[in-house]
Amino acid sequence: MDARGPPTHTLSVTADRANVKDIVKALLHTIFFHRIFTALPPTTHEILDTTLPLITTPASIPTTLETHLSTLLRYLDTPSQSTSTPSATLTLQFLERRRPRKTGWFGGKGEEETVWET
């Protein structure tokens, strides 16, 4: 077993409230575009005069992204106790499903999810 853990990539982004949704959406769609290993229909999205890829299939990805973006925007719009600018940390993990090694006569439980990149 590797003691180092999965690779972690950090990206700091600062944006005004009016552009947060578009910027986060563009970043996540770009990451997914480069991580999905199936054929994708070519679709693009314009943000701040830049053309970026947009994931439209499978339908669960855009739906999930919109749900989490709405949650992020509600969090940023909630007034806080501090006087500092609101900020948030997003964590995106890519998981691999593995069957555990058989232990004993009856084997192990179903599949386990292992993080291979954060």
PDB file of N, CA and C in Angstrom:
ATOM      1  N   MET A   1       0.841  -1.177   0.000  1.00  0.00           N
ATOM      2  CA  MET A   1       0.000   0.000   0.000  1.00  0.00           C
ATOM      3  C   MET A   1       0.887   1.241   0.000  1.00  0.00           C
ATOM      4  N   ASP A   2       0.518   2.215  -0.784  1.00  0.00           N
ATOM      5  CA  ASP A   2       1.289   3.435  -0.921  1.00  0.00           C
ATOM      6  C   ASP A   2       0.984   4.376   0.246  1.00  0.00           C
ATOM      7  N   ALA A   3       2.021   4.734   1.023  1.00  0.00           N
ATOM      8  CA  ALA A   3       1.833   5.579   2.210  1.00  0.00           C
ATOM      9  C   ALA A   3       1.676   7.050   1.848  1.00  0.00           C
ATOM     10  N   ARG A   4       2.033   7.420   0.626  1.00  0.00           N
ATOM     11  CA  ARG A   4       1.972   8.827   0.239  1.00  0.00           C
ATOM     12  C   ARG A   4       0.555   9.328   0.012  1.00  0.00           C
ATOM     13  N   GLY A   5      -0.354   8.476  -0.367  1.00  0.00           N
ATOM     14  CA  GLY A   5      -1.725   8.890  -0.626  1.00  0.00           C
ATOM     15  C   GLY A   5      -1.886   9.375  -2.055  1.00  0.00           C
ATOM     16  N   PRO A   6      -3.108   9.725  -2.418  1.00  0.00           N
ATOM     17  CA  PRO A   6      -3.369  10.162  -3.788  1.00  0.00           C
ATOM     18  C   PRO A   6      -2.785  11.546  -4.040  1.00  0.00           C
ATOM     19  N   PRO A   7      -2.457  11.852  -5.303  1.00  0.00           N
ATOM     20  CA  PRO A   7      -1.952  13.194  -5.606  1.00  0.00           C
ATOM     21  C   PRO A   7      -3.026  14.247  -5.338  1.00  0.00           C
ATOM     22  N   THR A   8      -2.606  15.372  -4.824  1.00  0.00           N
ATOM     23  CA  THR A   8      -3.510  16.472  -4.519  1.00  0.00           C
ATOM     24  C   THR A   8      -3.067  17.702  -5.299  1.00  0.00           C
ATOM     25  N   HIS A   9      -4.017  18.337  -5.978  1.00  0.00           N
ATOM     26  CA  HIS A   9      -3.744  19.545  -6.746  1.00  0.00           C
ATOM     27  C   HIS A   9      -4.560  20.679  -6.139  1.00  0.00           C
ATOM     28  N   THR A  10      -3.926  21.827  -5.931  1.00  0.00           N
ATOM     29  CA  THR A  10      -4.598  22.963  -5.319  1.00  0.00           C
ATOM     30  C   THR A  10      -4.589  24.135  -6.295  1.00  0.00           C
ATOM     31  N   LEU A  11      -5.722  24.784  -6.417  1.00  0.00           N
ATOM     32  CA  LEU A  11      -5.861  25.942  -7.289  1.00  0.00           C
ATOM     33  C   LEU A  11      -6.614  27.013  -6.514  1.00  0.00           C
ATOM     34  N   SER A  12      -6.002  28.155  -6.322  1.00  0.00           N
ATOM     35  CA  SER A  12      -6.653  29.273  -5.627  1.00  0.00           C
ATOM     36  C   SER A  12      -7.251  30.219  -6.658  1.00  0.00           C
ATOM     37  N   VAL A  13      -8.505  30.560  -6.460  1.00  0.00           N
ATOM     38  CA  VAL A  13      -9.215  31.436  -7.386  1.00  0.00           C
ATOM     39  C   VAL A  13      -9.896  32.532  -6.580  1.00  0.00           C
ATOM     40  N   THR A  14      -9.749  33.755  -7.032  1.00  0.00           N
ATOM     41  CA  THR A  14     -10.434  34.885  -6.416  1.00  0.00           C
ATOM     42  C   THR A  14     -11.312  35.521  -7.487  1.00  0.00           C
ATOM     43  N   ALA A  15     -12.589  35.708  -7.160  1.00  0.00           N
ATOM     44  CA  ALA A  15     -13.523  36.272  -8.140  1.00  0.00           C
ATOM     45  C   ALA A  15     -14.570  37.095  -7.418  1.00  0.00           C
ATOM     46  N   ASP A  16     -15.146  38.055  -8.149  1.00  0.00           N
ATOM     47  CA  ASP A  16     -16.246  38.805  -7.553  1.00  0.00           C
ATOM     48  C   ASP A  16     -17.509  37.950  -7.629  1.00  0.00           C
ATOM     49  N   ARG A  17     -18.468  38.264  -6.816  1.00  0.00           N
ATOM     50  CA  ARG A  17     -19.678  37.447  -6.657  1.00  0.00           C
ATOM     51  C   ARG A  17     -20.422  37.253  -7.973  1.00  0.00           C
ATOM     52  N   ALA A  18     -20.407  38.232  -8.848  1.00  0.00           N
ATOM     53  CA  ALA A  18     -21.153  38.149 -10.103  1.00  0.00           C
ATOM     54  C   ALA A  18     -20.610  37.060 -11.030  1.00  0.00           C
ATOM     55  N   ASN A  19     -19.336  36.707 -10.902  1.00  0.00           N
ATOM     56  CA  ASN A  19     -18.718  35.740 -11.803  1.00  0.00           C
ATOM     57  C   ASN A  19     -18.422  34.387 -11.168  1.00  0.00           C
ATOM     58  N   VAL A  20     -18.717  34.222  -9.895  1.00  0.00           N
ATOM     59  CA  VAL A  20     -18.346  32.988  -9.191  1.00  0.00           C
ATOM     60  C   VAL A  20     -18.952  31.759  -9.857  1.00  0.00           C
ATOM     61  N   LYS A  21     -20.234  31.792 -10.140  1.00  0.00           N
ATOM     62  CA  LYS A  21     -20.893  30.605 -10.703  1.00  0.00           C
ATOM     63  C   LYS A  21     -20.271  30.217 -12.039  1.00  0.00           C
ATOM     64  N   ASP A  22     -20.084  31.173 -12.937  1.00  0.00           N
ATOM     65  CA  ASP A  22     -19.517  30.865 -14.249  1.00  0.00           C
ATOM     66  C   ASP A  22     -18.084  30.362 -14.153  1.00  0.00           C
ATOM     67  N   ILE A  23     -17.288  30.955 -13.279  1.00  0.00           N
ATOM     68  CA  ILE A  23     -15.885  30.552 -13.158  1.00  0.00           C
ATOM     69  C   ILE A  23     -15.764  29.145 -12.574  1.00  0.00           C
ATOM     70  N   VAL A  24     -16.483  28.869 -11.503  1.00  0.00           N
ATOM     71  CA  VAL A  24     -16.416  27.536 -10.894  1.00  0.00           C
ATOM     72  C   VAL A  24     -16.961  26.494 -11.861  1.00  0.00           C
ATOM     73  N   LYS A  25     -18.052  26.819 -12.537  1.00  0.00           N
ATOM     74  CA  LYS A  25     -18.631  25.894 -13.514  1.00  0.00           C
ATOM     75  C   LYS A  25     -17.636  25.608 -14.640  1.00  0.00           C
ATOM     76  N   ALA A  26     -16.975  26.624 -15.148  1.00  0.00           N
ATOM     77  CA  ALA A  26     -15.997  26.439 -16.222  1.00  0.00           C
ATOM     78  C   ALA A  26     -14.817  25.585 -15.756  1.00  0.00           C
ATOM     79  N   LEU A  27     -14.328  25.848 -14.543  1.00  0.00           N
ATOM     80  CA  LEU A  27     -13.210  25.058 -14.022  1.00  0.00           C
ATOM     81  C   LEU A  27     -13.583  23.584 -13.865  1.00  0.00           C
ATOM     82  N   LEU A  28     -14.742  23.321 -13.278  1.00  0.00           N
ATOM     83  CA  LEU A  28     -15.150  21.942 -13.055  1.00  0.00           C
ATOM     84  C   LEU A  28     -15.434  21.209 -14.363  1.00  0.00           C
ATOM     85  N   HIS A  29     -16.076  21.875 -15.305  1.00  0.00           N
ATOM     86  CA  HIS A  29     -16.329  21.239 -16.599  1.00  0.00           C
ATOM     87  C   HIS A  29     -15.017  20.941 -17.327  1.00  0.00           C
ATOM     88  N   THR A  30     -14.050  21.830 -17.217  1.00  0.00           N
ATOM     89  CA  THR A  30     -12.750  21.588 -17.856  1.00  0.00           C
ATOM     90  C   THR A  30     -12.045  20.397 -17.219  1.00  0.00           C
ATOM     91  N   ILE A  31     -12.082  20.307 -15.903  1.00  0.00           N
ATOM     92  CA  ILE A  31     -11.463  19.162 -15.212  1.00  0.00           C
ATOM     93  C   ILE A  31     -12.144  17.864 -15.620  1.00  0.00           C
ATOM     94  N   PHE A  32     -13.479  17.857 -15.618  1.00  0.00           N
ATOM     95  CA  PHE A  32     -14.197  16.650 -16.019  1.00  0.00           C
ATOM     96  C   PHE A  32     -13.925  16.289 -17.472  1.00  0.00           C
ATOM     97  N   PHE A  33     -13.830  17.290 -18.342  1.00  0.00           N
ATOM     98  CA  PHE A  33     -13.567  17.037 -19.759  1.00  0.00           C
ATOM     99  C   PHE A  33     -12.256  16.270 -19.938  1.00  0.00           C
ATOM    100  N   HIS A  34     -11.262  16.602 -19.128  1.00  0.00           N
ATOM    101  CA  HIS A  34      -9.960  15.945 -19.240  1.00  0.00           C
ATOM    102  C   HIS A  34      -9.875  14.646 -18.442  1.00  0.00           C
ATOM    103  N   ARG A  35     -10.865  14.338 -17.619  1.00  0.00           N
ATOM    104  CA  ARG A  35     -10.825  13.127 -16.793  1.00  0.00           C
ATOM    105  C   ARG A  35     -11.803  12.043 -17.226  1.00  0.00           C
ATOM    106  N   ILE A  36     -12.780  12.389 -18.054  1.00  0.00           N
ATOM    107  CA  ILE A  36     -13.753  11.390 -18.501  1.00  0.00           C
ATOM    108  C   ILE A  36     -13.145  10.630 -19.673  1.00  0.00           C
ATOM    109  N   PHE A  37     -13.195   9.302 -19.585  1.00  0.00           N
ATOM    110  CA  PHE A  37     -12.505   8.468 -20.561  1.00  0.00           C
ATOM    111  C   PHE A  37     -13.426   7.914 -21.643  1.00  0.00           C
ATOM    112  N   THR A  38     -14.589   8.491 -21.817  1.00  0.00           N
ATOM    113  CA  THR A  38     -15.494   8.048 -22.869  1.00  0.00           C
ATOM    114  C   THR A  38     -15.610   9.138 -23.930  1.00  0.00           C
ATOM    115  N   ALA A  39     -16.180   8.770 -25.067  1.00  0.00           N
ATOM    116  CA  ALA A  39     -16.383   9.749 -26.135  1.00  0.00           C
ATOM    117  C   ALA A  39     -17.428  10.772 -25.702  1.00  0.00           C
ATOM    118  N   LEU A  40     -17.139  12.039 -25.918  1.00  0.00           N
ATOM    119  CA  LEU A  40     -18.050  13.115 -25.535  1.00  0.00           C
ATOM    120  C   LEU A  40     -18.442  13.920 -26.761  1.00  0.00           C
ATOM    121  N   PRO A  41     -19.695  14.357 -26.847  1.00  0.00           N
ATOM    122  CA  PRO A  41     -20.067  15.237 -27.953  1.00  0.00           C
ATOM    123  C   PRO A  41     -19.395  16.606 -27.756  1.00  0.00           C
ATOM    124  N   PRO A  42     -18.893  17.205 -28.827  1.00  0.00           N
ATOM    125  CA  PRO A  42     -18.208  18.503 -28.671  1.00  0.00           C
ATOM    126  C   PRO A  42     -19.199  19.609 -28.321  1.00  0.00           C
ATOM    127  N   THR A  43     -19.029  20.180 -27.159  1.00  0.00           N
ATOM    128  CA  THR A  43     -19.858  21.282 -26.688  1.00  0.00           C
ATOM    129  C   THR A  43     -18.944  22.289 -26.003  1.00  0.00           C
ATOM    130  N   THR A  44     -19.213  23.574 -26.200  1.00  0.00           N
ATOM    131  CA  THR A  44     -18.359  24.600 -25.586  1.00  0.00           C
ATOM    132  C   THR A  44     -19.200  25.594 -24.797  1.00  0.00           C
ATOM    133  N   HIS A  45     -18.511  26.393 -23.992  1.00  0.00           N
ATOM    134  CA  HIS A  45     -19.133  27.379 -23.120  1.00  0.00           C
ATOM    135  C   HIS A  45     -18.255  28.629 -23.147  1.00  0.00           C
ATOM    136  N   GLU A  46     -18.856  29.784 -23.352  1.00  0.00           N
ATOM    137  CA  GLU A  46     -18.125  31.049 -23.349  1.00  0.00           C
ATOM    138  C   GLU A  46     -18.161  31.660 -21.954  1.00  0.00           C
ATOM    139  N   ILE A  47     -16.983  31.971 -21.424  1.00  0.00           N
ATOM    140  CA  ILE A  47     -16.914  32.669 -20.142  1.00  0.00           C
ATOM    141  C   ILE A  47     -15.768  33.673 -20.189  1.00  0.00           C
ATOM    142  N   LEU A  48     -16.077  34.908 -19.916  1.00  0.00           N
ATOM    143  CA  LEU A  48     -15.085  35.985 -19.904  1.00  0.00           C
ATOM    144  C   LEU A  48     -14.228  35.963 -21.169  1.00  0.00           C
ATOM    145  N   ASP A  49     -14.889  35.893 -22.316  1.00  0.00           N
ATOM    146  CA  ASP A  49     -14.246  35.893 -23.636  1.00  0.00           C
ATOM    147  C   ASP A  49     -13.299  34.718 -23.861  1.00  0.00           C
ATOM    148  N   THR A  50     -13.537  33.607 -23.187  1.00  0.00           N
ATOM    149  CA  THR A  50     -12.736  32.397 -23.354  1.00  0.00           C
ATOM    150  C   THR A  50     -13.679  31.235 -23.642  1.00  0.00           C
ATOM    151  N   THR A  51     -13.357  30.434 -24.649  1.00  0.00           N
ATOM    152  CA  THR A  51     -14.171  29.264 -24.982  1.00  0.00           C
ATOM    153  C   THR A  51     -13.599  28.055 -24.262  1.00  0.00           C
ATOM    154  N   LEU A  52     -14.457  27.387 -23.484  1.00  0.00           N
ATOM    155  CA  LEU A  52     -14.040  26.223 -22.702  1.00  0.00           C
ATOM    156  C   LEU A  52     -14.967  25.054 -22.982  1.00  0.00           C
ATOM    157  N   PRO A  53     -14.495  23.814 -22.753  1.00  0.00           N
ATOM    158  CA  PRO A  53     -15.361  22.654 -22.979  1.00  0.00           C
ATOM    159  C   PRO A  53     -16.488  22.590 -21.961  1.00  0.00           C
ATOM    160  N   LEU A  54     -17.586  21.987 -22.372  1.00  0.00           N
ATOM    161  CA  LEU A  54     -18.754  21.825 -21.511  1.00  0.00           C
ATOM    162  C   LEU A  54     -19.194  20.372 -21.584  1.00  0.00           C
ATOM    163  N   ILE A  55     -19.383  19.737 -20.434  1.00  0.00           N
ATOM    164  CA  ILE A  55     -19.825  18.349 -20.371  1.00  0.00           C
ATOM    165  C   ILE A  55     -21.350  18.327 -20.325  1.00  0.00           C
ATOM    166  N   THR A  56     -21.961  17.661 -21.308  1.00  0.00           N
ATOM    167  CA  THR A  56     -23.419  17.560 -21.317  1.00  0.00           C
ATOM    168  C   THR A  56     -23.891  16.121 -21.111  1.00  0.00           C
ATOM    169  N   THR A  57     -23.019  15.151 -21.333  1.00  0.00           N
ATOM    170  CA  THR A  57     -23.367  13.744 -21.108  1.00  0.00           C
ATOM    171  C   THR A  57     -22.270  13.098 -20.291  1.00  0.00           C
ATOM    172  N   PRO A  58     -22.530  12.233 -19.395  1.00  0.00           N
ATOM    173  CA  PRO A  58     -23.856  11.807 -18.964  1.00  0.00           C
ATOM    174  C   PRO A  58     -24.582  12.945 -18.249  1.00  0.00           C
ATOM    175  N   ALA A  59     -25.890  12.891 -18.291  1.00  0.00           N
ATOM    176  CA  ALA A  59     -26.724  13.982 -17.757  1.00  0.00           C
ATOM    177  C   ALA A  59     -26.536  14.200 -16.265  1.00  0.00           C
ATOM    178  N   SER A  60     -26.026  13.202 -15.557  1.00  0.00           N
ATOM    179  CA  SER A  60     -25.859  13.348 -14.110  1.00  0.00           C
ATOM    180  C   SER A  60     -24.783  14.374 -13.752  1.00  0.00           C
ATOM    181  N   ILE A  61     -23.793  14.567 -14.616  1.00  0.00           N
ATOM    182  CA  ILE A  61     -22.704  15.505 -14.289  1.00  0.00           C
ATOM    183  C   ILE A  61     -23.199  16.946 -14.263  1.00  0.00           C
ATOM    184  N   PRO A  62     -23.831  17.475 -15.322  1.00  0.00           N
ATOM    185  CA  PRO A  62     -24.312  18.867 -15.239  1.00  0.00           C
ATOM    186  C   PRO A  62     -25.340  19.074 -14.130  1.00  0.00           C
ATOM    187  N   THR A  63     -26.201  18.084 -13.904  1.00  0.00           N
ATOM    188  CA  THR A  63     -27.211  18.199 -12.852  1.00  0.00           C
ATOM    189  C   THR A  63     -26.558  18.275 -11.483  1.00  0.00           C
ATOM    190  N   THR A  64     -25.585  17.410 -11.237  1.00  0.00           N
ATOM    191  CA  THR A  64     -24.873  17.408  -9.952  1.00  0.00           C
ATOM    192  C   THR A  64     -24.100  18.715  -9.772  1.00  0.00           C
ATOM    193  N   LEU A  65     -23.452  19.183 -10.827  1.00  0.00           N
ATOM    194  CA  LEU A  65     -22.706  20.440 -10.731  1.00  0.00           C
ATOM    195  C   LEU A  65     -23.625  21.608 -10.400  1.00  0.00           C
ATOM    196  N   GLU A  66     -24.770  21.686 -11.051  1.00  0.00           N
ATOM    197  CA  GLU A  66     -25.714  22.776 -10.772  1.00  0.00           C
ATOM    198  C   GLU A  66     -26.203  22.729  -9.325  1.00  0.00           C
ATOM    199  N   THR A  67     -26.456  21.541  -8.820  1.00  0.00           N
ATOM    200  CA  THR A  67     -26.898  21.398  -7.427  1.00  0.00           C
ATOM    201  C   THR A  67     -25.835  21.909  -6.467  1.00  0.00           C
ATOM    202  N   HIS A  68     -24.589  21.497  -6.688  1.00  0.00           N
ATOM    203  CA  HIS A  68     -23.515  21.919  -5.790  1.00  0.00           C
ATOM    204  C   HIS A  68     -23.160  23.398  -5.977  1.00  0.00           C
ATOM    205  N   LEU A  69     -23.292  23.911  -7.185  1.00  0.00           N
ATOM    206  CA  LEU A  69     -23.056  25.347  -7.396  1.00  0.00           C
ATOM    207  C   LEU A  69     -24.106  26.183  -6.680  1.00  0.00           C
ATOM    208  N   SER A  70     -25.348  25.738  -6.693  1.00  0.00           N
ATOM    209  CA  SER A  70     -26.409  26.450  -5.966  1.00  0.00           C
ATOM    210  C   SER A  70     -26.116  26.463  -4.471  1.00  0.00           C
ATOM    211  N   THR A  71     -25.643  25.327  -3.956  1.00  0.00           N
ATOM    212  CA  THR A  71     -25.278  25.249  -2.537  1.00  0.00           C
ATOM    213  C   THR A  71     -24.124  26.205  -2.225  1.00  0.00           C
ATOM    214  N   LEU A  72     -23.133  26.251  -3.097  1.00  0.00           N
ATOM    215  CA  LEU A  72     -21.995  27.164  -2.911  1.00  0.00           C
ATOM    216  C   LEU A  72     -22.453  28.617  -2.901  1.00  0.00           C
ATOM    217  N   LEU A  73     -23.305  28.990  -3.834  1.00  0.00           N
ATOM    218  CA  LEU A  73     -23.768  30.383  -3.905  1.00  0.00           C
ATOM    219  C   LEU A  73     -24.612  30.759  -2.689  1.00  0.00           C
ATOM    220  N   ARG A  74     -25.452  29.833  -2.214  1.00  0.00           N
ATOM    221  CA  ARG A  74     -26.217  30.104  -0.984  1.00  0.00           C
ATOM    222  C   ARG A  74     -25.274  30.311   0.194  1.00  0.00           C
ATOM    223  N   TYR A  75     -24.217  29.501   0.261  1.00  0.00           N
ATOM    224  CA  TYR A  75     -23.237  29.640   1.343  1.00  0.00           C
ATOM    225  C   TYR A  75     -22.538  31.002   1.265  1.00  0.00           C
ATOM    226  N   LEU A  76     -22.148  31.403   0.068  1.00  0.00           N
ATOM    227  CA  LEU A  76     -21.451  32.687  -0.079  1.00  0.00           C
ATOM    228  C   LEU A  76     -22.370  33.869   0.189  1.00  0.00           C
ATOM    229  N   ASP A  77     -23.674  33.710  -0.036  1.00  0.00           N
ATOM    230  CA  ASP A  77     -24.628  34.795   0.196  1.00  0.00           C
ATOM    231  C   ASP A  77     -25.079  34.898   1.652  1.00  0.00           C
ATOM    232  N   THR A  78     -24.794  33.870   2.457  1.00  0.00           N
ATOM    233  CA  THR A  78     -25.173  33.889   3.859  1.00  0.00           C
ATOM    234  C   THR A  78     -24.283  34.867   4.615  1.00  0.00           C
ATOM    235  N   PRO A  79     -24.881  35.816   5.338  1.00  0.00           N
ATOM    236  CA  PRO A  79     -24.049  36.750   6.096  1.00  0.00           C
ATOM    237  C   PRO A  79     -23.280  36.010   7.192  1.00  0.00           C
ATOM    238  N   SER A  80     -22.014  36.378   7.343  1.00  0.00           N
ATOM    239  CA  SER A  80     -21.192  35.713   8.354  1.00  0.00           C
ATOM    240  C   SER A  80     -20.906  36.663   9.512  1.00  0.00           C
ATOM    241  N   GLN A  81     -20.398  36.107  10.586  1.00  0.00           N
ATOM    242  CA  GLN A  81     -20.063  36.891  11.777  1.00  0.00           C
ATOM    243  C   GLN A  81     -18.837  37.769  11.537  1.00  0.00           C
ATOM    244  N   SER A  82     -17.911  37.291  10.722  1.00  0.00           N
ATOM    245  CA  SER A  82     -16.675  38.049  10.490  1.00  0.00           C
ATOM    246  C   SER A  82     -16.907  39.133   9.442  1.00  0.00           C
ATOM    247  N   THR A  83     -15.998  40.075   9.393  1.00  0.00           N
ATOM    248  CA  THR A  83     -16.097  41.170   8.431  1.00  0.00           C
ATOM    249  C   THR A  83     -15.286  40.881   7.174  1.00  0.00           C
ATOM    250  N   SER A  84     -14.633  39.721   7.118  1.00  0.00           N
ATOM    251  CA  SER A  84     -13.811  39.399   5.954  1.00  0.00           C
ATOM    252  C   SER A  84     -14.677  38.971   4.769  1.00  0.00           C
ATOM    253  N   THR A  85     -14.068  38.947   3.615  1.00  0.00           N
ATOM    254  CA  THR A  85     -14.744  38.527   2.396  1.00  0.00           C
ATOM    255  C   THR A  85     -15.083  37.041   2.481  1.00  0.00           C
ATOM    256  N   PRO A  86     -16.285  36.634   2.078  1.00  0.00           N
ATOM    257  CA  PRO A  86     -16.632  35.213   2.139  1.00  0.00           C
ATOM    258  C   PRO A  86     -15.729  34.383   1.223  1.00  0.00           C
ATOM    259  N   SER A  87     -15.398  33.191   1.675  1.00  0.00           N
ATOM    260  CA  SER A  87     -14.579  32.297   0.865  1.00  0.00           C
ATOM    261  C   SER A  87     -15.057  30.864   1.084  1.00  0.00           C
ATOM    262  N   ALA A  88     -14.667  29.993   0.179  1.00  0.00           N
ATOM    263  CA  ALA A  88     -15.068  28.591   0.263  1.00  0.00           C
ATOM    264  C   ALA A  88     -13.948  27.720  -0.283  1.00  0.00           C
ATOM    265  N   THR A  89     -13.947  26.476   0.134  1.00  0.00           N
ATOM    266  CA  THR A  89     -12.999  25.495  -0.370  1.00  0.00           C
ATOM    267  C   THR A  89     -13.789  24.365  -1.010  1.00  0.00           C
ATOM    268  N   LEU A  90     -13.477  24.066  -2.260  1.00  0.00           N
ATOM    269  CA  LEU A  90     -14.121  22.966  -2.970  1.00  0.00           C
ATOM    270  C   LEU A  90     -13.134  21.822  -3.074  1.00  0.00           C
ATOM    271  N   THR A  91     -13.595  20.613  -2.826  1.00  0.00           N
ATOM    272  CA  THR A  91     -12.747  19.435  -2.956  1.00  0.00           C
ATOM    273  C   THR A  91     -13.390  18.499  -3.961  1.00  0.00           C
ATOM    274  N   LEU A  92     -12.633  18.124  -4.948  1.00  0.00           N
ATOM    275  CA  LEU A  92     -13.099  17.209  -5.978  1.00  0.00           C
ATOM    276  C   LEU A  92     -12.213  15.977  -5.918  1.00  0.00           C
ATOM    277  N   GLN A  93     -12.813  14.824  -5.685  1.00  0.00           N
ATOM    278  CA  GLN A  93     -12.050  13.582  -5.582  1.00  0.00           C
ATOM    279  C   GLN A  93     -12.489  12.625  -6.683  1.00  0.00           C
ATOM    280  N   PHE A  94     -11.529  11.968  -7.295  1.00  0.00           N
ATOM    281  CA  PHE A  94     -11.820  10.942  -8.283  1.00  0.00           C
ATOM    282  C   PHE A  94     -11.605   9.594  -7.620  1.00  0.00           C
ATOM    283  N   LEU A  95     -12.636   8.770  -7.682  1.00  0.00           N
ATOM    284  CA  LEU A  95     -12.622   7.480  -7.002  1.00  0.00           C
ATOM    285  C   LEU A  95     -12.534   6.345  -8.006  1.00  0.00           C
ATOM    286  N   GLU A  96     -11.934   5.271  -7.562  1.00  0.00           N
ATOM    287  CA  GLU A  96     -11.849   4.052  -8.353  1.00  0.00           C
ATOM    288  C   GLU A  96     -12.531   2.955  -7.560  1.00  0.00           C
ATOM    289  N   ARG A  97     -13.407   2.213  -8.213  1.00  0.00           N
ATOM    290  CA  ARG A  97     -14.088   1.116  -7.530  1.00  0.00           C
ATOM    291  C   ARG A  97     -13.250  -0.147  -7.693  1.00  0.00           C
ATOM    292  N   ARG A  98     -12.945  -0.764  -6.568  1.00  0.00           N
ATOM    293  CA  ARG A  98     -12.142  -1.986  -6.571  1.00  0.00           C
ATOM    294  C   ARG A  98     -12.847  -3.058  -5.767  1.00  0.00           C
ATOM    295  N   ARG A  99     -12.664  -4.269  -6.218  1.00  0.00           N
ATOM    296  CA  ARG A  99     -13.133  -5.395  -5.416  1.00  0.00           C
ATOM    297  C   ARG A  99     -12.023  -5.764  -4.460  1.00  0.00           C
ATOM    298  N   PRO A 100     -12.356  -5.878  -3.187  1.00  0.00           N
ATOM    299  CA  PRO A 100     -11.309  -6.239  -2.223  1.00  0.00           C
ATOM    300  C   PRO A 100     -10.861  -7.682  -2.447  1.00  0.00           C
ATOM    301  N   ARG A 101      -9.655  -7.971  -2.010  1.00  0.00           N
ATOM    302  CA  ARG A 101      -9.151  -9.338  -2.093  1.00  0.00           C
ATOM    303  C   ARG A 101     -10.016 -10.240  -1.236  1.00  0.00           C
ATOM    304  N   LYS A 102     -10.170 -11.453  -1.692  1.00  0.00           N
ATOM    305  CA  LYS A 102     -10.983 -12.402  -0.932  1.00  0.00           C
ATOM    306  C   LYS A 102     -10.282 -12.738   0.373  1.00  0.00           C
ATOM    307  N   THR A 103     -11.061 -12.732   1.416  1.00  0.00           N
ATOM    308  CA  THR A 103     -10.537 -13.101   2.727  1.00  0.00           C
ATOM    309  C   THR A 103     -11.354 -14.261   3.244  1.00  0.00           C
ATOM    310  N   GLY A 104     -10.734 -15.393   3.408  1.00  0.00           N
ATOM    311  CA  GLY A 104     -11.453 -16.561   3.925  1.00  0.00           C
ATOM    312  C   GLY A 104     -12.253 -17.251   2.839  1.00  0.00           C
ATOM    313  N   TRP A 105     -13.138 -18.114   3.225  1.00  0.00           N
ATOM    314  CA  TRP A 105     -13.933 -18.918   2.306  1.00  0.00           C
ATOM    315  C   TRP A 105     -15.007 -18.114   1.586  1.00  0.00           C
ATOM    316  N   PHE A 106     -15.570 -17.128   2.212  1.00  0.00           N
ATOM    317  CA  PHE A 106     -16.734 -16.448   1.659  1.00  0.00           C
ATOM    318  C   PHE A 106     -16.405 -15.107   1.006  1.00  0.00           C
ATOM    319  N   GLY A 107     -15.157 -14.760   0.950  1.00  0.00           N
ATOM    320  CA  GLY A 107     -14.760 -13.513   0.305  1.00  0.00           C
ATOM    321  C   GLY A 107     -15.079 -12.294   1.146  1.00  0.00           C
ATOM    322  N   GLY A 108     -14.831 -11.156   0.571  1.00  0.00           N
ATOM    323  CA  GLY A 108     -15.070  -9.903   1.285  1.00  0.00           C
ATOM    324  C   GLY A 108     -16.390  -9.281   0.876  1.00  0.00           C
ATOM    325  N   LYS A 109     -16.585  -8.054   1.284  1.00  0.00           N
ATOM    326  CA  LYS A 109     -17.795  -7.342   0.903  1.00  0.00           C
ATOM    327  C   LYS A 109     -17.682  -6.894  -0.553  1.00  0.00           C
ATOM    328  N   GLY A 110     -18.706  -6.300  -1.107  1.00  0.00           N
ATOM    329  CA  GLY A 110     -18.785  -5.886  -2.509  1.00  0.00           C
ATOM    330  C   GLY A 110     -17.595  -5.083  -2.996  1.00  0.00           C
ATOM    331  N   GLU A 111     -17.843  -3.901  -3.475  1.00  0.00           N
ATOM    332  CA  GLU A 111     -16.789  -3.036  -3.989  1.00  0.00           C
ATOM    333  C   GLU A 111     -16.446  -1.971  -2.963  1.00  0.00           C
ATOM    334  N   GLU A 112     -15.202  -1.507  -3.011  1.00  0.00           N
ATOM    335  CA  GLU A 112     -14.817  -0.377  -2.171  1.00  0.00           C
ATOM    336  C   GLU A 112     -14.317   0.731  -3.085  1.00  0.00           C
ATOM    337  N   GLU A 113     -14.505   1.963  -2.655  1.00  0.00           N
ATOM    338  CA  GLU A 113     -14.072   3.104  -3.459  1.00  0.00           C
ATOM    339  C   GLU A 113     -12.762   3.627  -2.905  1.00  0.00           C
ATOM    340  N   THR A 114     -11.764   3.753  -3.778  1.00  0.00           N
ATOM    341  CA  THR A 114     -10.456   4.221  -3.398  1.00  0.00           C
ATOM    342  C   THR A 114     -10.181   5.539  -4.126  1.00  0.00           C
ATOM    343  N   VAL A 115      -9.743   6.543  -3.406  1.00  0.00           N
ATOM    344  CA  VAL A 115      -9.419   7.841  -4.013  1.00  0.00           C
ATOM    345  C   VAL A 115      -8.118   7.692  -4.785  1.00  0.00           C
ATOM    346  N   TRP A 116      -8.121   8.091  -6.057  1.00  0.00           N
ATOM    347  CA  TRP A 116      -6.886   8.036  -6.822  1.00  0.00           C
ATOM    348  C   TRP A 116      -6.366   9.423  -7.198  1.00  0.00           C
ATOM    349  N   GLU A 117      -7.185  10.464  -6.979  1.00  0.00           N
ATOM    350  CA  GLU A 117      -6.707  11.826  -7.182  1.00  0.00           C
ATOM    351  C   GLU A 117      -7.658  12.783  -6.500  1.00  0.00           C
ATOM    352  N   THR A 118      -7.108  13.851  -5.878  1.00  0.00           N
ATOM    353  CA  THR A 118      -7.908  14.876  -5.216  1.00  0.00           C
ATOM    354  C   THR A 118      -7.567  16.228  -5.814  1.00  0.00           C
TER     355      THR A 118
END
